[in-house]
């Protein structure tokens, strides 16, 4: 999850993206459409442009990793990291107890 707060609801984001894509032909370029619509909803043009790119990736119109797949990857990477840490702890505990057992037997 993002560390920043989401000022705009998913509905507002979706509507802004739809406006950019639908009104792109009425402006000289996509960037001009982004600039116009971002000013109306009160977000930075770069932010709206990122939303548009993300929507295109999610719909398959642009190359990239879709949002749901990226979230699954993040979840799996986090789980993998936690499992590696748990394995390391278990490995160290096993070595500690093995040494303690050897010390106990040698006395």
C-alpha atoms as a PDB file:
ATOM      1  CA  UNK A   1       0.000   0.000   0.000  1.00  0.00           C
ATOM      2  CA  UNK A   2       1.132   3.505  -0.739  1.00  0.00           C
ATOM      3  CA  UNK A   3       2.646   5.591   2.050  1.00  0.00           C
ATOM      4  CA  UNK A   4       0.788   8.709   0.960  1.00  0.00           C
ATOM      5  CA  UNK A   5      -2.874   9.336   1.572  1.00  0.00           C
ATOM      6  CA  UNK A   6      -5.188   8.997  -1.388  1.00  0.00           C
ATOM      7  CA  UNK A   7      -6.867  12.356  -1.759  1.00  0.00           C
ATOM      8  CA  UNK A   8      -9.049  11.161  -4.623  1.00  0.00           C
ATOM      9  CA  UNK A   9     -11.552   8.331  -4.478  1.00  0.00           C
ATOM     10  CA  UNK A  10     -11.335   5.519  -7.038  1.00  0.00           C
ATOM     11  CA  UNK A  11     -14.513   6.869  -8.644  1.00  0.00           C
ATOM     12  CA  UNK A  12     -12.949  10.304  -9.168  1.00  0.00           C
ATOM     13  CA  UNK A  13      -9.799   8.718 -10.581  1.00  0.00           C
ATOM     14  CA  UNK A  14     -11.773   6.519 -12.965  1.00  0.00           C
ATOM     15  CA  UNK A  15     -13.882   9.434 -14.128  1.00  0.00           C
ATOM     16  CA  UNK A  16     -10.827  11.652 -14.683  1.00  0.00           C
ATOM     17  CA  UNK A  17      -9.104   8.905 -16.689  1.00  0.00           C
ATOM     18  CA  UNK A  18     -12.256   8.375 -18.745  1.00  0.00           C
ATOM     19  CA  UNK A  19     -12.480  12.121 -19.401  1.00  0.00           C
ATOM     20  CA  UNK A  20      -8.885  12.216 -20.622  1.00  0.00           C
ATOM     21  CA  UNK A  21      -9.349   9.234 -22.910  1.00  0.00           C
ATOM     22  CA  UNK A  22     -12.727  10.424 -24.234  1.00  0.00           C
ATOM     23  CA  UNK A  23     -11.678  14.071 -24.761  1.00  0.00           C
ATOM     24  CA  UNK A  24      -8.186  13.451 -26.097  1.00  0.00           C
ATOM     25  CA  UNK A  25      -9.366  14.228 -29.650  1.00  0.00           C
ATOM     26  CA  UNK A  26     -10.737  17.627 -28.632  1.00  0.00           C
ATOM     27  CA  UNK A  27      -7.295  18.749 -27.490  1.00  0.00           C
ATOM     28  CA  UNK A  28      -4.086  19.025 -29.471  1.00  0.00           C
ATOM     29  CA  UNK A  29      -2.483  16.167 -27.563  1.00  0.00           C
ATOM     30  CA  UNK A  30      -3.065  13.834 -24.650  1.00  0.00           C
ATOM     31  CA  UNK A  31      -0.936  16.057 -22.450  1.00  0.00           C
ATOM     32  CA  UNK A  32      -3.179  19.042 -23.167  1.00  0.00           C
ATOM     33  CA  UNK A  33      -6.210  16.948 -22.220  1.00  0.00           C
ATOM     34  CA  UNK A  34      -4.439  15.871 -19.025  1.00  0.00           C
ATOM     35  CA  UNK A  35      -3.537  19.481 -18.200  1.00  0.00           C
ATOM     36  CA  UNK A  36      -7.118  20.668 -18.751  1.00  0.00           C
ATOM     37  CA  UNK A  37      -8.806  17.919 -16.748  1.00  0.00           C
ATOM     38  CA  UNK A  38      -6.248  17.886 -13.925  1.00  0.00           C
ATOM     39  CA  UNK A  39      -6.853  21.608 -13.390  1.00  0.00           C
ATOM     40  CA  UNK A  40     -10.596  20.949 -13.125  1.00  0.00           C
ATOM     41  CA  UNK A  41     -10.308  18.161 -10.526  1.00  0.00           C
ATOM     42  CA  UNK A  42      -7.440  19.747  -8.604  1.00  0.00           C
ATOM     43  CA  UNK A  43      -4.640  17.234  -9.043  1.00  0.00           C
ATOM     44  CA  UNK A  44      -1.178  17.494 -10.535  1.00  0.00           C
ATOM     45  CA  UNK A  45      -1.027  16.778 -14.280  1.00  0.00           C
ATOM     46  CA  UNK A  46       1.709  14.186 -13.704  1.00  0.00           C
ATOM     47  CA  UNK A  47      -0.556  12.349 -11.273  1.00  0.00           C
ATOM     48  CA  UNK A  48      -3.442  12.209 -13.718  1.00  0.00           C
ATOM     49  CA  UNK A  49      -1.074  11.137 -16.494  1.00  0.00           C
ATOM     50  CA  UNK A  50       0.124   8.244 -14.278  1.00  0.00           C
ATOM     51  CA  UNK A  51      -3.493   7.241 -13.635  1.00  0.00           C
ATOM     52  CA  UNK A  52      -4.127   7.179 -17.393  1.00  0.00           C
ATOM     53  CA  UNK A  53      -1.022   5.074 -18.047  1.00  0.00           C
ATOM     54  CA  UNK A  54      -1.989   2.661 -15.263  1.00  0.00           C
ATOM     55  CA  UNK A  55      -5.518   2.336 -16.685  1.00  0.00           C
ATOM     56  CA  UNK A  56      -4.068   1.562 -20.122  1.00  0.00           C
ATOM     57  CA  UNK A  57      -1.775  -1.109 -18.666  1.00  0.00           C
ATOM     58  CA  UNK A  58      -4.668  -2.631 -16.713  1.00  0.00           C
ATOM     59  CA  UNK A  59      -6.836  -2.737 -19.850  1.00  0.00           C
ATOM     60  CA  UNK A  60      -4.049  -4.239 -21.968  1.00  0.00           C
ATOM     61  CA  UNK A  61      -3.632  -1.223 -24.259  1.00  0.00           C
ATOM     62  CA  UNK A  62      -0.126  -0.529 -22.963  1.00  0.00           C
ATOM     63  CA  UNK A  63       2.708  -2.888 -22.082  1.00  0.00           C
ATOM     64  CA  UNK A  64       3.377  -3.356 -18.393  1.00  0.00           C
ATOM     65  CA  UNK A  65       2.366  -5.293 -15.311  1.00  0.00           C
ATOM     66  CA  UNK A  66      -1.329  -4.894 -14.433  1.00  0.00           C
ATOM     67  CA  UNK A  67      -2.189  -3.597 -10.964  1.00  0.00           C
ATOM     68  CA  UNK A  68      -3.649  -6.875  -9.706  1.00  0.00           C
ATOM     69  CA  UNK A  69      -0.579  -8.829 -10.827  1.00  0.00           C
ATOM     70  CA  UNK A  70       1.758  -6.267  -9.248  1.00  0.00           C
ATOM     71  CA  UNK A  71      -0.162  -6.555  -5.959  1.00  0.00           C
ATOM     72  CA  UNK A  72       0.083 -10.359  -6.060  1.00  0.00           C
ATOM     73  CA  UNK A  73       3.821 -10.083  -6.704  1.00  0.00           C
ATOM     74  CA  UNK A  74       4.270  -7.689  -3.773  1.00  0.00           C
ATOM     75  CA  UNK A  75       2.319 -10.034  -1.512  1.00  0.00           C
ATOM     76  CA  UNK A  76       4.359 -13.055  -2.593  1.00  0.00           C
ATOM     77  CA  UNK A  77       7.653 -11.166  -2.233  1.00  0.00           C
ATOM     78  CA  UNK A  78       6.669 -10.083   1.293  1.00  0.00           C
ATOM     79  CA  UNK A  79       5.670 -13.644   2.200  1.00  0.00           C
ATOM     80  CA  UNK A  80       8.907 -14.986   0.719  1.00  0.00           C
ATOM     81  CA  UNK A  81      10.949 -12.472   2.731  1.00  0.00           C
ATOM     82  CA  UNK A  82       9.114 -13.409   5.942  1.00  0.00           C
ATOM     83  CA  UNK A  83       9.655 -17.122   5.299  1.00  0.00           C
ATOM     84  CA  UNK A  84      13.350 -16.585   4.667  1.00  0.00           C
ATOM     85  CA  UNK A  85      13.619 -14.685   7.955  1.00  0.00           C
ATOM     86  CA  UNK A  86      11.754 -17.452   9.794  1.00  0.00           C
ATOM     87  CA  UNK A  87      14.032 -20.083   8.242  1.00  0.00           C
ATOM     88  CA  UNK A  88      17.104 -18.130   9.308  1.00  0.00           C
ATOM     89  CA  UNK A  89      15.798 -17.888  12.868  1.00  0.00           C
ATOM     90  CA  UNK A  90      15.062 -21.626  12.910  1.00  0.00           C
ATOM     91  CA  UNK A  91      18.516 -22.397  11.490  1.00  0.00           C
ATOM     92  CA  UNK A  92      20.211 -20.325  14.199  1.00  0.00           C
ATOM     93  CA  UNK A  93      18.038 -21.827  16.948  1.00  0.00           C
ATOM     94  CA  UNK A  94      18.794 -25.324  15.697  1.00  0.00           C
ATOM     95  CA  UNK A  95      22.531 -24.625  15.728  1.00  0.00           C
ATOM     96  CA  UNK A  96      22.280 -23.122  19.213  1.00  0.00           C
ATOM     97  CA  UNK A  97      20.416 -26.121  20.633  1.00  0.00           C
ATOM     98  CA  UNK A  98      22.737 -28.570  18.860  1.00  0.00           C
ATOM     99  CA  UNK A  99      25.728 -26.853  20.483  1.00  0.00           C
ATOM    100  CA  UNK A 100      23.962 -26.860  23.857  1.00  0.00           C
ATOM    101  CA  UNK A 101      23.311 -30.594  23.500  1.00  0.00           C
ATOM    102  CA  UNK A 102      26.974 -31.238  22.610  1.00  0.00           C
ATOM    103  CA  UNK A 103      28.104 -29.167  25.612  1.00  0.00           C
ATOM    104  CA  UNK A 104      25.725 -31.081  27.879  1.00  0.00           C
ATOM    105  CA  UNK A 105      26.997 -34.445  26.631  1.00  0.00           C
ATOM    106  CA  UNK A 106      30.642 -33.499  26.985  1.00  0.00           C
ATOM    107  CA  UNK A 107      30.242 -32.651  30.677  1.00  0.00           C
END
